[in-house]
């Protein structure tokens, strides 16, 4: 999963090479992960997120 730098308050999200949408906050990102079939424990333990342009605390552009 790649979370791109924020633009206009949203971050583009790509999972398995496919754009899945824009996340405006961490809750949006978690929903994308759930839709991709990950459960909450897997989400908390995952090291598979490539944060570009700042980590999970950065949402404003």
N, C-alpha and C. Protein backbone atom coordinates (compact mmCIF):
# COMPACT_ATOMS: atom_id res chain seq x y z
N UNK A 1 0.84 -1.17 0.00
CA UNK A 1 0.00 0.00 0.00
C UNK A 1 0.88 1.24 0.00
N UNK A 2 0.50 2.20 -0.83
CA UNK A 2 1.21 3.48 -0.87
C UNK A 2 0.22 4.58 -0.52
N UNK A 3 0.62 5.44 0.42
CA UNK A 3 -0.16 6.62 0.77
C UNK A 3 0.66 7.82 0.32
N UNK A 4 0.15 8.53 -0.68
CA UNK A 4 0.89 9.62 -1.30
C UNK A 4 0.78 10.91 -0.48
N UNK A 5 1.67 11.87 -0.76
CA UNK A 5 1.64 13.14 -0.02
C UNK A 5 0.29 13.83 -0.13
N UNK A 6 -0.08 14.59 0.89
CA UNK A 6 -1.37 15.28 0.87
C UNK A 6 -1.43 16.39 -0.18
N UNK A 7 -2.58 16.47 -0.84
CA UNK A 7 -2.89 17.53 -1.78
C UNK A 7 -4.31 17.99 -1.47
N UNK A 8 -4.47 19.26 -1.15
CA UNK A 8 -5.79 19.81 -0.80
C UNK A 8 -6.46 19.03 0.33
N UNK A 9 -5.68 18.58 1.31
CA UNK A 9 -6.24 17.91 2.48
C UNK A 9 -6.54 16.44 2.31
N UNK A 10 -6.20 15.86 1.15
CA UNK A 10 -6.46 14.43 0.93
C UNK A 10 -5.19 13.75 0.45
N UNK A 11 -5.10 12.46 0.74
CA UNK A 11 -3.96 11.67 0.30
C UNK A 11 -4.45 10.54 -0.60
N UNK A 12 -3.86 10.43 -1.79
CA UNK A 12 -4.21 9.36 -2.71
C UNK A 12 -3.69 8.05 -2.14
N UNK A 13 -4.49 6.99 -2.28
CA UNK A 13 -4.15 5.69 -1.73
C UNK A 13 -4.13 4.66 -2.85
N UNK A 14 -3.08 3.87 -2.88
CA UNK A 14 -2.94 2.80 -3.87
C UNK A 14 -2.69 1.49 -3.12
N UNK A 15 -3.46 0.47 -3.47
CA UNK A 15 -3.29 -0.85 -2.88
C UNK A 15 -3.08 -1.85 -4.00
N UNK A 16 -2.00 -2.62 -3.88
CA UNK A 16 -1.66 -3.64 -4.90
C UNK A 16 -1.61 -3.03 -6.30
N UNK A 17 -1.07 -1.81 -6.40
CA UNK A 17 -0.90 -1.16 -7.67
C UNK A 17 -2.13 -0.49 -8.25
N UNK A 18 -3.23 -0.49 -7.51
CA UNK A 18 -4.47 0.10 -7.99
C UNK A 18 -4.89 1.26 -7.09
N UNK A 19 -5.21 2.41 -7.72
CA UNK A 19 -5.73 3.54 -6.94
C UNK A 19 -7.10 3.17 -6.39
N UNK A 20 -7.26 3.33 -5.07
CA UNK A 20 -8.53 2.98 -4.43
C UNK A 20 -9.30 4.19 -3.94
N UNK A 21 -8.69 5.38 -4.00
CA UNK A 21 -9.41 6.58 -3.60
C UNK A 21 -8.54 7.56 -2.85
N UNK A 22 -9.19 8.52 -2.22
CA UNK A 22 -8.53 9.57 -1.45
C UNK A 22 -8.92 9.44 0.02
N UNK A 23 -7.94 9.55 0.87
CA UNK A 23 -8.18 9.51 2.31
C UNK A 23 -8.02 10.92 2.85
N UNK A 24 -9.00 11.37 3.62
CA UNK A 24 -8.97 12.69 4.23
C UNK A 24 -8.55 12.62 5.70
N UNK A 25 -8.55 11.42 6.22
CA UNK A 25 -8.14 11.19 7.61
C UNK A 25 -7.81 9.70 7.75
N UNK A 26 -7.23 9.36 8.88
CA UNK A 26 -6.79 7.99 9.11
C UNK A 26 -7.95 6.99 9.03
N UNK A 27 -9.12 7.38 9.48
CA UNK A 27 -10.28 6.48 9.42
C UNK A 27 -10.60 6.07 7.98
N UNK A 28 -10.42 6.98 7.02
CA UNK A 28 -10.64 6.65 5.61
C UNK A 28 -9.65 5.59 5.15
N UNK A 29 -8.41 5.76 5.54
CA UNK A 29 -7.37 4.81 5.17
C UNK A 29 -7.68 3.43 5.74
N UNK A 30 -8.11 3.37 6.98
CA UNK A 30 -8.46 2.10 7.61
C UNK A 30 -9.61 1.42 6.88
N UNK A 31 -10.55 2.20 6.39
CA UNK A 31 -11.67 1.64 5.62
C UNK A 31 -11.17 1.03 4.31
N UNK A 32 -10.25 1.68 3.63
CA UNK A 32 -9.67 1.11 2.41
C UNK A 32 -8.99 -0.23 2.71
N UNK A 33 -8.28 -0.29 3.83
CA UNK A 33 -7.60 -1.54 4.21
C UNK A 33 -8.62 -2.64 4.51
N UNK A 34 -9.68 -2.31 5.19
CA UNK A 34 -10.73 -3.31 5.48
C UNK A 34 -11.34 -3.83 4.18
N UNK A 35 -11.60 -2.91 3.24
CA UNK A 35 -12.17 -3.33 1.95
C UNK A 35 -11.22 -4.24 1.17
N UNK A 36 -9.92 -4.09 1.43
CA UNK A 36 -8.92 -4.93 0.79
C UNK A 36 -8.78 -6.28 1.50
N UNK A 37 -9.58 -6.48 2.56
CA UNK A 37 -9.61 -7.78 3.22
C UNK A 37 -8.77 -7.91 4.47
N UNK A 38 -8.24 -6.82 4.98
CA UNK A 38 -7.44 -6.89 6.21
C UNK A 38 -8.32 -6.64 7.42
N UNK A 39 -8.07 -7.40 8.49
CA UNK A 39 -8.81 -7.16 9.72
C UNK A 39 -8.05 -6.17 10.60
N UNK A 40 -8.67 -5.71 11.68
CA UNK A 40 -8.07 -4.65 12.50
C UNK A 40 -6.70 -5.02 13.06
N UNK A 41 -6.54 -6.25 13.49
CA UNK A 41 -5.24 -6.65 14.04
C UNK A 41 -4.16 -6.60 12.97
N UNK A 42 -4.47 -7.05 11.76
CA UNK A 42 -3.50 -6.99 10.67
C UNK A 42 -3.14 -5.54 10.34
N UNK A 43 -4.13 -4.66 10.39
CA UNK A 43 -3.89 -3.25 10.09
C UNK A 43 -2.92 -2.67 11.12
N UNK A 44 -3.15 -2.96 12.39
CA UNK A 44 -2.30 -2.43 13.45
C UNK A 44 -0.88 -2.97 13.36
N UNK A 45 -0.72 -4.20 12.91
CA UNK A 45 0.59 -4.83 12.88
C UNK A 45 1.33 -4.64 11.55
N UNK A 46 0.66 -4.13 10.53
CA UNK A 46 1.26 -4.08 9.20
C UNK A 46 2.41 -3.09 9.11
N UNK A 47 3.42 -3.49 8.41
CA UNK A 47 4.56 -2.63 8.07
C UNK A 47 4.57 -2.43 6.56
N UNK A 48 3.45 -2.71 5.92
CA UNK A 48 3.36 -2.68 4.47
C UNK A 48 2.91 -1.34 3.91
N UNK A 49 2.72 -0.35 4.76
CA UNK A 49 2.28 0.97 4.28
C UNK A 49 3.50 1.82 3.98
N UNK A 50 3.59 2.29 2.75
CA UNK A 50 4.65 3.19 2.32
C UNK A 50 4.11 4.61 2.40
N UNK A 51 4.44 5.30 3.49
CA UNK A 51 3.97 6.67 3.71
C UNK A 51 4.89 7.62 2.96
N UNK A 52 4.35 8.36 2.01
CA UNK A 52 5.14 9.33 1.27
C UNK A 52 4.68 10.72 1.62
N UNK A 53 5.63 11.60 1.91
CA UNK A 53 5.28 12.98 2.25
C UNK A 53 4.77 13.14 3.65
N UNK A 54 5.13 12.24 4.55
CA UNK A 54 4.72 12.33 5.95
C UNK A 54 3.95 11.12 6.38
N UNK A 55 3.96 10.85 7.66
CA UNK A 55 3.30 9.67 8.21
C UNK A 55 1.83 9.88 8.47
N UNK A 56 1.25 9.03 9.32
CA UNK A 56 -0.19 9.05 9.55
C UNK A 56 -0.70 10.32 10.23
N UNK A 57 0.19 11.15 10.74
CA UNK A 57 -0.25 12.40 11.38
C UNK A 57 -0.37 13.54 10.37
N UNK A 58 0.04 13.35 9.14
CA UNK A 58 0.08 14.43 8.13
C UNK A 58 -1.06 14.27 7.12
N UNK A 59 -2.03 15.19 7.17
CA UNK A 59 -3.16 15.15 6.24
C UNK A 59 -3.36 16.44 5.48
N UNK A 60 -2.89 17.55 5.99
CA UNK A 60 -3.04 18.83 5.28
C UNK A 60 -1.89 19.01 4.31
N UNK A 61 -2.17 19.59 3.14
CA UNK A 61 -1.14 19.80 2.12
C UNK A 61 -0.31 21.03 2.35
